[in-house]
Amino acid sequence: MTFSAMATVDLEQTMKNMALQYKQTRDIQQSADLVPILDELIILTQQALEAKFAEDKATQYTTGLHKVLTELKAAKSAAEQDDLPQAKQHLQQVDALRKEYHKLRKVSFWQILFG
């Protein structure tokens, strides 16, 4: 096992980096300009999948990240085929998944009181 494989993933920092990269995709007007950003997002998503999640939500989080990864790869494929509208549509799906799965992170008032 290499040192990098043993290193713990800083999920919060990885997610911040993903958000930064995602924001850069919004103003892209050329498919070719989108590809390197999508490459970085794919790498970051793969890193996030290596993070240790709370046992009760690990399956949900990894499922969500796999869905994001699928959409990012589809967006990259579309961008490589110079189909910017299709790539942007996949990125909108990524954003929808982000919103859906971030809701899982929130702890309800009742969970705080009763565990």
PDB file of N, CA and C in Angstrom:
ATOM      1  N   MET A   1       0.854  -1.176   0.000  1.00  0.00           N
ATOM      2  CA  MET A   1       0.000   0.000   0.000  1.00  0.00           C
ATOM      3  C   MET A   1       0.900   1.239   0.000  1.00  0.00           C
ATOM      4  N   THR A   2       0.593   2.172  -0.873  1.00  0.00           N
ATOM      5  CA  THR A   2       1.398   3.384  -0.947  1.00  0.00           C
ATOM      6  C   THR A   2       0.974   4.364   0.128  1.00  0.00           C
ATOM      7  N   PHE A   3       1.845   5.339   0.355  1.00  0.00           N
ATOM      8  CA  PHE A   3       1.533   6.345   1.372  1.00  0.00           C
ATOM      9  C   PHE A   3       0.242   7.080   1.028  1.00  0.00           C
ATOM     10  N   SER A   4       0.056   7.446  -0.240  1.00  0.00           N
ATOM     11  CA  SER A   4      -1.146   8.193  -0.622  1.00  0.00           C
ATOM     12  C   SER A   4      -2.412   7.374  -0.396  1.00  0.00           C
ATOM     13  N   ALA A   5      -2.321   6.072  -0.557  1.00  0.00           N
ATOM     14  CA  ALA A   5      -3.490   5.222  -0.329  1.00  0.00           C
ATOM     15  C   ALA A   5      -3.832   5.149   1.156  1.00  0.00           C
ATOM     16  N   MET A   6      -2.811   5.343   2.001  1.00  0.00           N
ATOM     17  CA  MET A   6      -3.050   5.272   3.435  1.00  0.00           C
ATOM     18  C   MET A   6      -3.552   6.610   3.991  1.00  0.00           C
ATOM     19  N   ALA A   7      -3.332   7.684   3.264  1.00  0.00           N
ATOM     20  CA  ALA A   7      -3.708   9.006   3.755  1.00  0.00           C
ATOM     21  C   ALA A   7      -5.230   9.101   3.876  1.00  0.00           C
ATOM     22  N   THR A   8      -5.665   9.800   4.891  1.00  0.00           N
ATOM     23  CA  THR A   8      -7.087   9.999   5.104  1.00  0.00           C
ATOM     24  C   THR A   8      -7.576  11.138   4.212  1.00  0.00           C
ATOM     25  N   VAL A   9      -8.724  10.941   3.602  1.00  0.00           N
ATOM     26  CA  VAL A   9      -9.307  11.960   2.738  1.00  0.00           C
ATOM     27  C   VAL A   9      -9.962  13.030   3.605  1.00  0.00           C
ATOM     28  N   ASP A  10      -9.610  14.278   3.354  1.00  0.00           N
ATOM     29  CA  ASP A  10     -10.261  15.409   4.015  1.00  0.00           C
ATOM     30  C   ASP A  10     -11.509  15.718   3.199  1.00  0.00           C
ATOM     31  N   LEU A  11     -12.623  15.104   3.593  1.00  0.00           N
ATOM     32  CA  LEU A  11     -13.854  15.199   2.806  1.00  0.00           C
ATOM     33  C   LEU A  11     -14.347  16.632   2.694  1.00  0.00           C
ATOM     34  N   GLU A  12     -14.260  17.371   3.783  1.00  0.00           N
ATOM     35  CA  GLU A  12     -14.733  18.756   3.746  1.00  0.00           C
ATOM     36  C   GLU A  12     -13.937  19.574   2.729  1.00  0.00           C
ATOM     37  N   GLN A  13     -12.623  19.441   2.740  1.00  0.00           N
ATOM     38  CA  GLN A  13     -11.788  20.175   1.790  1.00  0.00           C
ATOM     39  C   GLN A  13     -12.030  19.698   0.361  1.00  0.00           C
ATOM     40  N   THR A  14     -12.193  18.398   0.193  1.00  0.00           N
ATOM     41  CA  THR A  14     -12.466  17.851  -1.136  1.00  0.00           C
ATOM     42  C   THR A  14     -13.777  18.413  -1.676  1.00  0.00           C
ATOM     43  N   MET A  15     -14.800  18.474  -0.832  1.00  0.00           N
ATOM     44  CA  MET A  15     -16.091  19.014  -1.259  1.00  0.00           C
ATOM     45  C   MET A  15     -15.990  20.505  -1.585  1.00  0.00           C
ATOM     46  N   LYS A  16     -15.204  21.239  -0.818  1.00  0.00           N
ATOM     47  CA  LYS A  16     -14.997  22.661  -1.121  1.00  0.00           C
ATOM     48  C   LYS A  16     -14.318  22.818  -2.476  1.00  0.00           C
ATOM     49  N   ASN A  17     -13.334  21.975  -2.744  1.00  0.00           N
ATOM     50  CA  ASN A  17     -12.647  22.021  -4.036  1.00  0.00           C
ATOM     51  C   ASN A  17     -13.602  21.657  -5.174  1.00  0.00           C
ATOM     52  N   MET A  18     -14.479  20.699  -4.914  1.00  0.00           N
ATOM     53  CA  MET A  18     -15.473  20.332  -5.921  1.00  0.00           C
ATOM     54  C   MET A  18     -16.406  21.499  -6.205  1.00  0.00           C
ATOM     55  N   ALA A  19     -16.829  22.191  -5.160  1.00  0.00           N
ATOM     56  CA  ALA A  19     -17.720  23.344  -5.338  1.00  0.00           C
ATOM     57  C   ALA A  19     -17.035  24.432  -6.156  1.00  0.00           C
ATOM     58  N   LEU A  20     -15.772  24.673  -5.865  1.00  0.00           N
ATOM     59  CA  LEU A  20     -15.016  25.687  -6.600  1.00  0.00           C
ATOM     60  C   LEU A  20     -14.915  25.316  -8.075  1.00  0.00           C
ATOM     61  N   GLN A  21     -14.575  24.068  -8.348  1.00  0.00           N
ATOM     62  CA  GLN A  21     -14.484  23.615  -9.734  1.00  0.00           C
ATOM     63  C   GLN A  21     -15.850  23.696 -10.429  1.00  0.00           C
ATOM     64  N   TYR A  22     -16.892  23.290  -9.711  1.00  0.00           N
ATOM     65  CA  TYR A  22     -18.231  23.314 -10.303  1.00  0.00           C
ATOM     66  C   TYR A  22     -18.626  24.738 -10.683  1.00  0.00           C
ATOM     67  N   LYS A  23     -18.341  25.687  -9.812  1.00  0.00           N
ATOM     68  CA  LYS A  23     -18.681  27.086 -10.094  1.00  0.00           C
ATOM     69  C   LYS A  23     -18.002  27.572 -11.368  1.00  0.00           C
ATOM     70  N   GLN A  24     -16.816  27.074 -11.635  1.00  0.00           N
ATOM     71  CA  GLN A  24     -16.098  27.477 -12.847  1.00  0.00           C
ATOM     72  C   GLN A  24     -16.795  26.994 -14.118  1.00  0.00           C
ATOM     73  N   THR A  25     -17.601  25.954 -14.006  1.00  0.00           N
ATOM     74  CA  THR A  25     -18.271  25.414 -15.199  1.00  0.00           C
ATOM     75  C   THR A  25     -19.416  26.313 -15.668  1.00  0.00           C
ATOM     76  N   ARG A  26     -19.930  27.121 -14.791  1.00  0.00           N
ATOM     77  CA  ARG A  26     -21.122  27.920 -15.118  1.00  0.00           C
ATOM     78  C   ARG A  26     -20.922  28.876 -16.287  1.00  0.00           C
ATOM     79  N   ASP A  27     -19.763  29.503 -16.352  1.00  0.00           N
ATOM     80  CA  ASP A  27     -19.538  30.530 -17.364  1.00  0.00           C
ATOM     81  C   ASP A  27     -18.808  30.031 -18.605  1.00  0.00           C
ATOM     82  N   ILE A  28     -18.537  28.755 -18.660  1.00  0.00           N
ATOM     83  CA  ILE A  28     -17.815  28.188 -19.799  1.00  0.00           C
ATOM     84  C   ILE A  28     -18.687  28.293 -21.057  1.00  0.00           C
ATOM     85  N   GLN A  29     -18.068  28.773 -22.133  1.00  0.00           N
ATOM     86  CA  GLN A  29     -18.786  28.915 -23.401  1.00  0.00           C
ATOM     87  C   GLN A  29     -18.276  27.969 -24.487  1.00  0.00           C
ATOM     88  N   GLN A  30     -17.155  27.290 -24.205  1.00  0.00           N
ATOM     89  CA  GLN A  30     -16.563  26.370 -25.181  1.00  0.00           C
ATOM     90  C   GLN A  30     -16.405  24.994 -24.537  1.00  0.00           C
ATOM     91  N   SER A  31     -16.821  23.987 -25.246  1.00  0.00           N
ATOM     92  CA  SER A  31     -16.728  22.623 -24.727  1.00  0.00           C
ATOM     93  C   SER A  31     -15.299  22.250 -24.337  1.00  0.00           C
ATOM     94  N   ALA A  32     -14.343  22.646 -25.145  1.00  0.00           N
ATOM     95  CA  ALA A  32     -12.944  22.292 -24.882  1.00  0.00           C
ATOM     96  C   ALA A  32     -12.466  22.866 -23.553  1.00  0.00           C
ATOM     97  N   ASP A  33     -13.003  24.020 -23.165  1.00  0.00           N
ATOM     98  CA  ASP A  33     -12.616  24.637 -21.898  1.00  0.00           C
ATOM     99  C   ASP A  33     -13.209  23.894 -20.704  1.00  0.00           C
ATOM    100  N   LEU A  34     -14.258  23.133 -20.952  1.00  0.00           N
ATOM    101  CA  LEU A  34     -14.945  22.417 -19.891  1.00  0.00           C
ATOM    102  C   LEU A  34     -14.225  21.110 -19.515  1.00  0.00           C
ATOM    103  N   VAL A  35     -13.573  20.495 -20.473  1.00  0.00           N
ATOM    104  CA  VAL A  35     -12.968  19.173 -20.264  1.00  0.00           C
ATOM    105  C   VAL A  35     -11.972  19.141 -19.097  1.00  0.00           C
ATOM    106  N   PRO A  36     -10.997  20.078 -19.006  1.00  0.00           N
ATOM    107  CA  PRO A  36     -10.059  19.986 -17.878  1.00  0.00           C
ATOM    108  C   PRO A  36     -10.729  20.178 -16.513  1.00  0.00           C
ATOM    109  N   ILE A  37     -11.761  20.985 -16.463  1.00  0.00           N
ATOM    110  CA  ILE A  37     -12.488  21.183 -15.205  1.00  0.00           C
ATOM    111  C   ILE A  37     -13.226  19.898 -14.843  1.00  0.00           C
ATOM    112  N   LEU A  38     -13.828  19.272 -15.830  1.00  0.00           N
ATOM    113  CA  LEU A  38     -14.524  18.008 -15.584  1.00  0.00           C
ATOM    114  C   LEU A  38     -13.539  16.920 -15.160  1.00  0.00           C
ATOM    115  N   ASP A  39     -12.345  16.916 -15.755  1.00  0.00           N
ATOM    116  CA  ASP A  39     -11.323  15.956 -15.325  1.00  0.00           C
ATOM    117  C   ASP A  39     -11.019  16.137 -13.839  1.00  0.00           C
ATOM    118  N   GLU A  40     -10.866  17.382 -13.412  1.00  0.00           N
ATOM    119  CA  GLU A  40     -10.565  17.657 -12.007  1.00  0.00           C
ATOM    120  C   GLU A  40     -11.748  17.254 -11.119  1.00  0.00           C
ATOM    121  N   LEU A  41     -12.970  17.535 -11.552  1.00  0.00           N
ATOM    122  CA  LEU A  41     -14.147  17.144 -10.773  1.00  0.00           C
ATOM    123  C   LEU A  41     -14.247  15.623 -10.642  1.00  0.00           C
ATOM    124  N   ILE A  42     -13.906  14.917 -11.689  1.00  0.00           N
ATOM    125  CA  ILE A  42     -13.932  13.449 -11.647  1.00  0.00           C
ATOM    126  C   ILE A  42     -12.909  12.943 -10.636  1.00  0.00           C
ATOM    127  N   ILE A  43     -11.712  13.500 -10.662  1.00  0.00           N
ATOM    128  CA  ILE A  43     -10.672  13.104  -9.700  1.00  0.00           C
ATOM    129  C   ILE A  43     -11.129  13.392  -8.271  1.00  0.00           C
ATOM    130  N   LEU A  44     -11.686  14.582  -8.042  1.00  0.00           N
ATOM    131  CA  LEU A  44     -12.138  14.948  -6.700  1.00  0.00           C
ATOM    132  C   LEU A  44     -13.268  14.041  -6.220  1.00  0.00           C
ATOM    133  N   THR A  45     -14.167  13.681  -7.120  1.00  0.00           N
ATOM    134  CA  THR A  45     -15.270  12.788  -6.752  1.00  0.00           C
ATOM    135  C   THR A  45     -14.728  11.406  -6.390  1.00  0.00           C
ATOM    136  N   GLN A  46     -13.757  10.942  -7.144  1.00  0.00           N
ATOM    137  CA  GLN A  46     -13.138   9.655  -6.825  1.00  0.00           C
ATOM    138  C   GLN A  46     -12.438   9.710  -5.466  1.00  0.00           C
ATOM    139  N   GLN A  47     -11.811  10.839  -5.159  1.00  0.00           N
ATOM    140  CA  GLN A  47     -11.192  11.010  -3.837  1.00  0.00           C
ATOM    141  C   GLN A  47     -12.247  10.984  -2.743  1.00  0.00           C
ATOM    142  N   ALA A  48     -13.365  11.665  -2.980  1.00  0.00           N
ATOM    143  CA  ALA A  48     -14.445  11.707  -1.987  1.00  0.00           C
ATOM    144  C   ALA A  48     -14.975  10.308  -1.700  1.00  0.00           C
ATOM    145  N   LEU A  49     -15.002   9.467  -2.709  1.00  0.00           N
ATOM    146  CA  LEU A  49     -15.473   8.095  -2.519  1.00  0.00           C
ATOM    147  C   LEU A  49     -14.569   7.299  -1.582  1.00  0.00           C
ATOM    148  N   GLU A  50     -13.334   7.728  -1.415  1.00  0.00           N
ATOM    149  CA  GLU A  50     -12.402   7.040  -0.533  1.00  0.00           C
ATOM    150  C   GLU A  50     -12.524   7.490   0.925  1.00  0.00           C
ATOM    151  N   ALA A  51     -13.341   8.499   1.170  1.00  0.00           N
ATOM    152  CA  ALA A  51     -13.496   9.027   2.523  1.00  0.00           C
ATOM    153  C   ALA A  51     -14.243   8.033   3.406  1.00  0.00           C
ATOM    154  N   LYS A  52     -14.038   8.191   4.693  1.00  0.00           N
ATOM    155  CA  LYS A  52     -14.759   7.361   5.667  1.00  0.00           C
ATOM    156  C   LYS A  52     -16.038   8.110   6.059  1.00  0.00           C
ATOM    157  N   PHE A  53     -17.165   7.471   5.856  1.00  0.00           N
ATOM    158  CA  PHE A  53     -18.453   8.070   6.171  1.00  0.00           C
ATOM    159  C   PHE A  53     -19.037   7.422   7.420  1.00  0.00           C
ATOM    160  N   ALA A  54     -19.941   8.136   8.073  1.00  0.00           N
ATOM    161  CA  ALA A  54     -20.665   7.559   9.200  1.00  0.00           C
ATOM    162  C   ALA A  54     -21.396   6.311   8.698  1.00  0.00           C
ATOM    163  N   GLU A  55     -21.350   5.257   9.495  1.00  0.00           N
ATOM    164  CA  GLU A  55     -21.911   3.978   9.059  1.00  0.00           C
ATOM    165  C   GLU A  55     -23.371   4.067   8.644  1.00  0.00           C
ATOM    166  N   ASP A  56     -24.148   4.878   9.351  1.00  0.00           N
ATOM    167  CA  ASP A  56     -25.577   4.943   9.064  1.00  0.00           C
ATOM    168  C   ASP A  56     -25.903   5.631   7.735  1.00  0.00           C
ATOM    169  N   LYS A  57     -24.941   6.379   7.178  1.00  0.00           N
ATOM    170  CA  LYS A  57     -25.211   7.071   5.920  1.00  0.00           C
ATOM    171  C   LYS A  57     -24.211   6.730   4.826  1.00  0.00           C
ATOM    172  N   ALA A  58     -23.284   5.845   5.106  1.00  0.00           N
ATOM    173  CA  ALA A  58     -22.227   5.523   4.140  1.00  0.00           C
ATOM    174  C   ALA A  58     -22.794   5.044   2.806  1.00  0.00           C
ATOM    175  N   THR A  59     -23.766   4.172   2.847  1.00  0.00           N
ATOM    176  CA  THR A  59     -24.345   3.643   1.612  1.00  0.00           C
ATOM    177  C   THR A  59     -25.000   4.753   0.802  1.00  0.00           C
ATOM    178  N   GLN A  60     -25.755   5.615   1.490  1.00  0.00           N
ATOM    179  CA  GLN A  60     -26.417   6.719   0.789  1.00  0.00           C
ATOM    180  C   GLN A  60     -25.398   7.667   0.157  1.00  0.00           C
ATOM    181  N   TYR A  61     -24.357   8.019   0.897  1.00  0.00           N
ATOM    182  CA  TYR A  61     -23.355   8.950   0.381  1.00  0.00           C
ATOM    183  C   TYR A  61     -22.586   8.350  -0.793  1.00  0.00           C
ATOM    184  N   THR A  62     -22.182   7.094  -0.669  1.00  0.00           N
ATOM    185  CA  THR A  62     -21.431   6.503  -1.768  1.00  0.00           C
ATOM    186  C   THR A  62     -22.313   6.333  -3.004  1.00  0.00           C
ATOM    187  N   THR A  63     -23.579   6.014  -2.798  1.00  0.00           N
ATOM    188  CA  THR A  63     -24.511   5.929  -3.918  1.00  0.00           C
ATOM    189  C   THR A  63     -24.612   7.283  -4.615  1.00  0.00           C
ATOM    190  N   GLY A  64     -24.753   8.338  -3.837  1.00  0.00           N
ATOM    191  CA  GLY A  64     -24.842   9.692  -4.398  1.00  0.00           C
ATOM    192  C   GLY A  64     -23.584  10.085  -5.150  1.00  0.00           C
ATOM    193  N   LEU A  65     -22.433   9.771  -4.579  1.00  0.00           N
ATOM    194  CA  LEU A  65     -21.172  10.112  -5.243  1.00  0.00           C
ATOM    195  C   LEU A  65     -20.990   9.317  -6.538  1.00  0.00           C
ATOM    196  N   HIS A  66     -21.441   8.077  -6.550  1.00  0.00           N
ATOM    197  CA  HIS A  66     -21.371   7.294  -7.790  1.00  0.00           C
ATOM    198  C   HIS A  66     -22.286   7.903  -8.853  1.00  0.00           C
ATOM    199  N   LYS A  67     -23.443   8.392  -8.449  1.00  0.00           N
ATOM    200  CA  LYS A  67     -24.347   9.056  -9.398  1.00  0.00           C
ATOM    201  C   LYS A  67     -23.689  10.329  -9.943  1.00  0.00           C
ATOM    202  N   VAL A  68     -23.048  11.090  -9.059  1.00  0.00           N
ATOM    203  CA  VAL A  68     -22.352  12.301  -9.488  1.00  0.00           C
ATOM    204  C   VAL A  68     -21.246  11.940 -10.476  1.00  0.00           C
ATOM    205  N   LEU A  69     -20.488  10.916 -10.164  1.00  0.00           N
ATOM    206  CA  LEU A  69     -19.396  10.486 -11.028  1.00  0.00           C
ATOM    207  C   LEU A  69     -19.923  10.091 -12.412  1.00  0.00           C
ATOM    208  N   THR A  70     -21.032   9.395 -12.451  1.00  0.00           N
ATOM    209  CA  THR A  70     -21.649   8.995 -13.721  1.00  0.00           C
ATOM    210  C   THR A  70     -22.026  10.229 -14.538  1.00  0.00           C
ATOM    211  N   GLU A  71     -22.640  11.216 -13.884  1.00  0.00           N
ATOM    212  CA  GLU A  71     -23.038  12.444 -14.585  1.00  0.00           C
ATOM    213  C   GLU A  71     -21.821  13.232 -15.062  1.00  0.00           C
ATOM    214  N   LEU A  72     -20.775  13.283 -14.243  1.00  0.00           N
ATOM    215  CA  LEU A  72     -19.559  14.002 -14.644  1.00  0.00           C
ATOM    216  C   LEU A  72     -18.905  13.347 -15.857  1.00  0.00           C
ATOM    217  N   LYS A  73     -18.866  12.028 -15.861  1.00  0.00           N
ATOM    218  CA  LYS A  73     -18.287  11.318 -17.007  1.00  0.00           C
ATOM    219  C   LYS A  73     -19.127  11.529 -18.264  1.00  0.00           C
ATOM    220  N   ALA A  74     -20.439  11.561 -18.100  1.00  0.00           N
ATOM    221  CA  ALA A  74     -21.319  11.830 -19.239  1.00  0.00           C
ATOM    222  C   ALA A  74     -21.134  13.267 -19.731  1.00  0.00           C
ATOM    223  N   ALA A  75     -20.959  14.195 -18.800  1.00  0.00           N
ATOM    224  CA  ALA A  75     -20.717  15.591 -19.181  1.00  0.00           C
ATOM    225  C   ALA A  75     -19.400  15.704 -19.938  1.00  0.00           C
ATOM    226  N   LYS A  76     -18.373  15.001 -19.466  1.00  0.00           N
ATOM    227  CA  LYS A  76     -17.076  15.036 -20.143  1.00  0.00           C
ATOM    228  C   LYS A  76     -17.192  14.459 -21.549  1.00  0.00           C
ATOM    229  N   SER A  77     -17.898  13.350 -21.674  1.00  0.00           N
ATOM    230  CA  SER A  77     -18.093  12.734 -22.985  1.00  0.00           C
ATOM    231  C   SER A  77     -18.794  13.708 -23.938  1.00  0.00           C
ATOM    232  N   ALA A  78     -19.821  14.364 -23.440  1.00  0.00           N
ATOM    233  CA  ALA A  78     -20.543  15.345 -24.264  1.00  0.00           C
ATOM    234  C   ALA A  78     -19.629  16.508 -24.645  1.00  0.00           C
ATOM    235  N   ALA A  79     -18.845  16.988 -23.690  1.00  0.00           N
ATOM    236  CA  ALA A  79     -17.927  18.101 -23.969  1.00  0.00           C
ATOM    237  C   ALA A  79     -16.883  17.693 -25.009  1.00  0.00           C
ATOM    238  N   GLU A  80     -16.391  16.470 -24.893  1.00  0.00           N
ATOM    239  CA  GLU A  80     -15.400  15.985 -25.863  1.00  0.00           C
ATOM    240  C   GLU A  80     -15.995  15.860 -27.265  1.00  0.00           C
ATOM    241  N   GLN A  81     -17.312  15.699 -27.323  1.00  0.00           N
ATOM    242  CA  GLN A  81     -18.011  15.625 -28.615  1.00  0.00           C
ATOM    243  C   GLN A  81     -18.525  17.002 -29.037  1.00  0.00           C
ATOM    244  N   ASP A  82     -18.077  18.030 -28.334  1.00  0.00           N
ATOM    245  CA  ASP A  82     -18.441  19.429 -28.593  1.00  0.00           C
ATOM    246  C   ASP A  82     -19.949  19.669 -28.486  1.00  0.00           C
ATOM    247  N   ASP A  83     -20.580  18.984 -27.527  1.00  0.00           N
ATOM    248  CA  ASP A  83     -22.005  19.173 -27.268  1.00  0.00           C
ATOM    249  C   ASP A  83     -22.151  19.876 -25.912  1.00  0.00           C
ATOM    250  N   LEU A  84     -21.899  21.172 -25.926  1.00  0.00           N
ATOM    251  CA  LEU A  84     -21.930  21.956 -24.690  1.00  0.00           C
ATOM    252  C   LEU A  84     -23.300  21.919 -24.012  1.00  0.00           C
ATOM    253  N   PRO A  85     -24.421  22.066 -24.750  1.00  0.00           N
ATOM    254  CA  PRO A  85     -25.726  21.999 -24.066  1.00  0.00           C
ATOM    255  C   PRO A  85     -25.948  20.679 -23.318  1.00  0.00           C
ATOM    256  N   GLN A  86     -25.538  19.571 -23.922  1.00  0.00           N
ATOM    257  CA  GLN A  86     -25.701  18.271 -23.260  1.00  0.00           C
ATOM    258  C   GLN A  86     -24.786  18.187 -22.034  1.00  0.00           C
ATOM    259  N   ALA A  87     -23.564  18.688 -22.153  1.00  0.00           N
ATOM    260  CA  ALA A  87     -22.642  18.686 -21.023  1.00  0.00           C
ATOM    261  C   ALA A  87     -23.223  19.506 -19.872  1.00  0.00           C
ATOM    262  N   LYS A  88     -23.776  20.657 -20.200  1.00  0.00           N
ATOM    263  CA  LYS A  88     -24.365  21.523 -19.162  1.00  0.00           C
ATOM    264  C   LYS A  88     -25.582  20.858 -18.520  1.00  0.00           C
ATOM    265  N   GLN A  89     -26.330  20.091 -19.307  1.00  0.00           N
ATOM    266  CA  GLN A  89     -27.486  19.376 -18.758  1.00  0.00           C
ATOM    267  C   GLN A  89     -27.019  18.347 -17.715  1.00  0.00           C
ATOM    268  N   HIS A  90     -25.941  17.654 -18.013  1.00  0.00           N
ATOM    269  CA  HIS A  90     -25.396  16.689 -17.038  1.00  0.00           C
ATOM    270  C   HIS A  90     -24.901  17.425 -15.791  1.00  0.00           C
ATOM    271  N   LEU A  91     -24.327  18.594 -15.971  1.00  0.00           N
ATOM    272  CA  LEU A  91     -23.866  19.376 -14.822  1.00  0.00           C
ATOM    273  C   LEU A  91     -25.045  19.849 -13.961  1.00  0.00           C
ATOM    274  N   GLN A  92     -26.172  20.133 -14.594  1.00  0.00           N
ATOM    275  CA  GLN A  92     -27.373  20.488 -13.824  1.00  0.00           C
ATOM    276  C   GLN A  92     -27.825  19.300 -12.978  1.00  0.00           C
ATOM    277  N   GLN A  93     -27.665  18.092 -13.508  1.00  0.00           N
ATOM    278  CA  GLN A  93     -27.985  16.897 -12.735  1.00  0.00           C
ATOM    279  C   GLN A  93     -27.051  16.758 -11.541  1.00  0.00           C
ATOM    280  N   VAL A  94     -25.788  17.094 -11.745  1.00  0.00           N
ATOM    281  CA  VAL A  94     -24.818  17.059 -10.647  1.00  0.00           C
ATOM    282  C   VAL A  94     -25.269  18.006  -9.547  1.00  0.00           C
ATOM    283  N   ASP A  95     -25.715  19.191  -9.938  1.00  0.00           N
ATOM    284  CA  ASP A  95     -26.172  20.168  -8.949  1.00  0.00           C
ATOM    285  C   ASP A  95     -27.412  19.672  -8.215  1.00  0.00           C
ATOM    286  N   ALA A  96     -28.320  19.038  -8.937  1.00  0.00           N
ATOM    287  CA  ALA A  96     -29.523  18.483  -8.305  1.00  0.00           C
ATOM    288  C   ALA A  96     -29.142  17.383  -7.309  1.00  0.00           C
ATOM    289  N   LEU A  97     -28.187  16.545  -7.676  1.00  0.00           N
ATOM    290  CA  LEU A  97     -27.717  15.496  -6.767  1.00  0.00           C
ATOM    291  C   LEU A  97     -27.050  16.106  -5.544  1.00  0.00           C
ATOM    292  N   ARG A  98     -26.275  17.163  -5.759  1.00  0.00           N
ATOM    293  CA  ARG A  98     -25.613  17.844  -4.641  1.00  0.00           C
ATOM    294  C   ARG A  98     -26.661  18.318  -3.635  1.00  0.00           C
ATOM    295  N   LYS A  99     -27.699  18.950  -4.124  1.00  0.00           N
ATOM    296  CA  LYS A  99     -28.753  19.450  -3.244  1.00  0.00           C
ATOM    297  C   LYS A  99     -29.448  18.307  -2.516  1.00  0.00           C
ATOM    298  N   GLU A 100     -29.747  17.258  -3.241  1.00  0.00           N
ATOM    299  CA  GLU A 100     -30.450  16.108  -2.652  1.00  0.00           C
ATOM    300  C   GLU A 100     -29.622  15.461  -1.541  1.00  0.00           C
ATOM    301  N   TYR A 101     -28.356  15.222  -1.805  1.00  0.00           N
ATOM    302  CA  TYR A 101     -27.530  14.503  -0.837  1.00  0.00           C
ATOM    303  C   TYR A 101     -27.020  15.389   0.290  1.00  0.00           C
ATOM    304  N   HIS A 102     -26.944  16.689   0.060  1.00  0.00           N
ATOM    305  CA  HIS A 102     -26.559  17.579   1.159  1.00  0.00           C
ATOM    306  C   HIS A 102     -27.652  17.659   2.216  1.00  0.00           C
ATOM    307  N   LYS A 103     -28.894  17.425   1.809  1.00  0.00           N
ATOM    308  CA  LYS A 103     -29.994  17.403   2.781  1.00  0.00           C
ATOM    309  C   LYS A 103     -29.798  16.270   3.797  1.00  0.00           C
ATOM    310  N   LEU A 104     -29.164  15.192   3.370  1.00  0.00           N
ATOM    311  CA  LEU A 104     -28.918  14.054   4.266  1.00  0.00           C
ATOM    312  C   LEU A 104     -27.953  14.407   5.389  1.00  0.00           C
ATOM    313  N   ARG A 105     -27.095  15.396   5.131  1.00  0.00           N
ATOM    314  CA  ARG A 105     -26.095  15.782   6.130  1.00  0.00           C
ATOM    315  C   ARG A 105     -26.703  16.526   7.302  1.00  0.00           C
ATOM    316  N   LYS A 106     -27.802  17.205   7.047  1.00  0.00           N
ATOM    317  CA  LYS A 106     -28.404  18.023   8.101  1.00  0.00           C
ATOM    318  C   LYS A 106     -29.002  17.142   9.195  1.00  0.00           C
ATOM    319  N   VAL A 107     -28.728  17.520  10.402  1.00  0.00           N
ATOM    320  CA  VAL A 107     -29.247  16.795  11.549  1.00  0.00           C
ATOM    321  C   VAL A 107     -30.500  17.525  12.032  1.00  0.00           C
ATOM    322  N   SER A 108     -31.565  16.798  12.207  1.00  0.00           N
ATOM    323  CA  SER A 108     -32.804  17.428  12.659  1.00  0.00           C
ATOM    324  C   SER A 108     -32.728  17.754  14.153  1.00  0.00           C
ATOM    325  N   PHE A 109     -33.544  18.669  14.560  1.00  0.00           N
ATOM    326  CA  PHE A 109     -33.652  19.056  15.959  1.00  0.00           C
ATOM    327  C   PHE A 109     -33.970  17.834  16.816  1.00  0.00           C
ATOM    328  N   TRP A 110     -34.852  16.946  16.314  1.00  0.00           N
ATOM    329  CA  TRP A 110     -35.270  15.763  17.073  1.00  0.00           C
ATOM    330  C   TRP A 110     -34.125  14.757  17.205  1.00  0.00           C
ATOM    331  N   GLN A 111     -33.270  14.675  16.195  1.00  0.00           N
ATOM    332  CA  GLN A 111     -32.112  13.780  16.284  1.00  0.00           C
ATOM    333  C   GLN A 111     -31.142  14.271  17.363  1.00  0.00           C
ATOM    334  N   ILE A 112     -31.002  15.565  17.478  1.00  0.00           N
ATOM    335  CA  ILE A 112     -30.114  16.118  18.501  1.00  0.00           C
ATOM    336  C   ILE A 112     -30.653  15.789  19.889  1.00  0.00           C
ATOM    337  N   LEU A 113     -31.961  15.944  20.070  1.00  0.00           N
ATOM    338  CA  LEU A 113     -32.569  15.692  21.371  1.00  0.00           C
ATOM    339  C   LEU A 113     -32.604  14.215  21.738  1.00  0.00           C
ATOM    340  N   PHE A 114     -32.958  13.377  20.778  1.00  0.00           N
ATOM    341  CA  PHE A 114     -33.211  11.979  21.098  1.00  0.00           C
ATOM    342  C   PHE A 114     -32.205  10.992  20.488  1.00  0.00           C
ATOM    343  N   GLY A 115     -31.207  11.522  19.795  1.00  0.00           N
ATOM    344  CA  GLY A 115     -30.143  10.662  19.255  1.00  0.00           C
ATOM    345  C   GLY A 115     -30.495   9.904  18.066  1.00  0.00           C
TER     346      GLY A 115
END
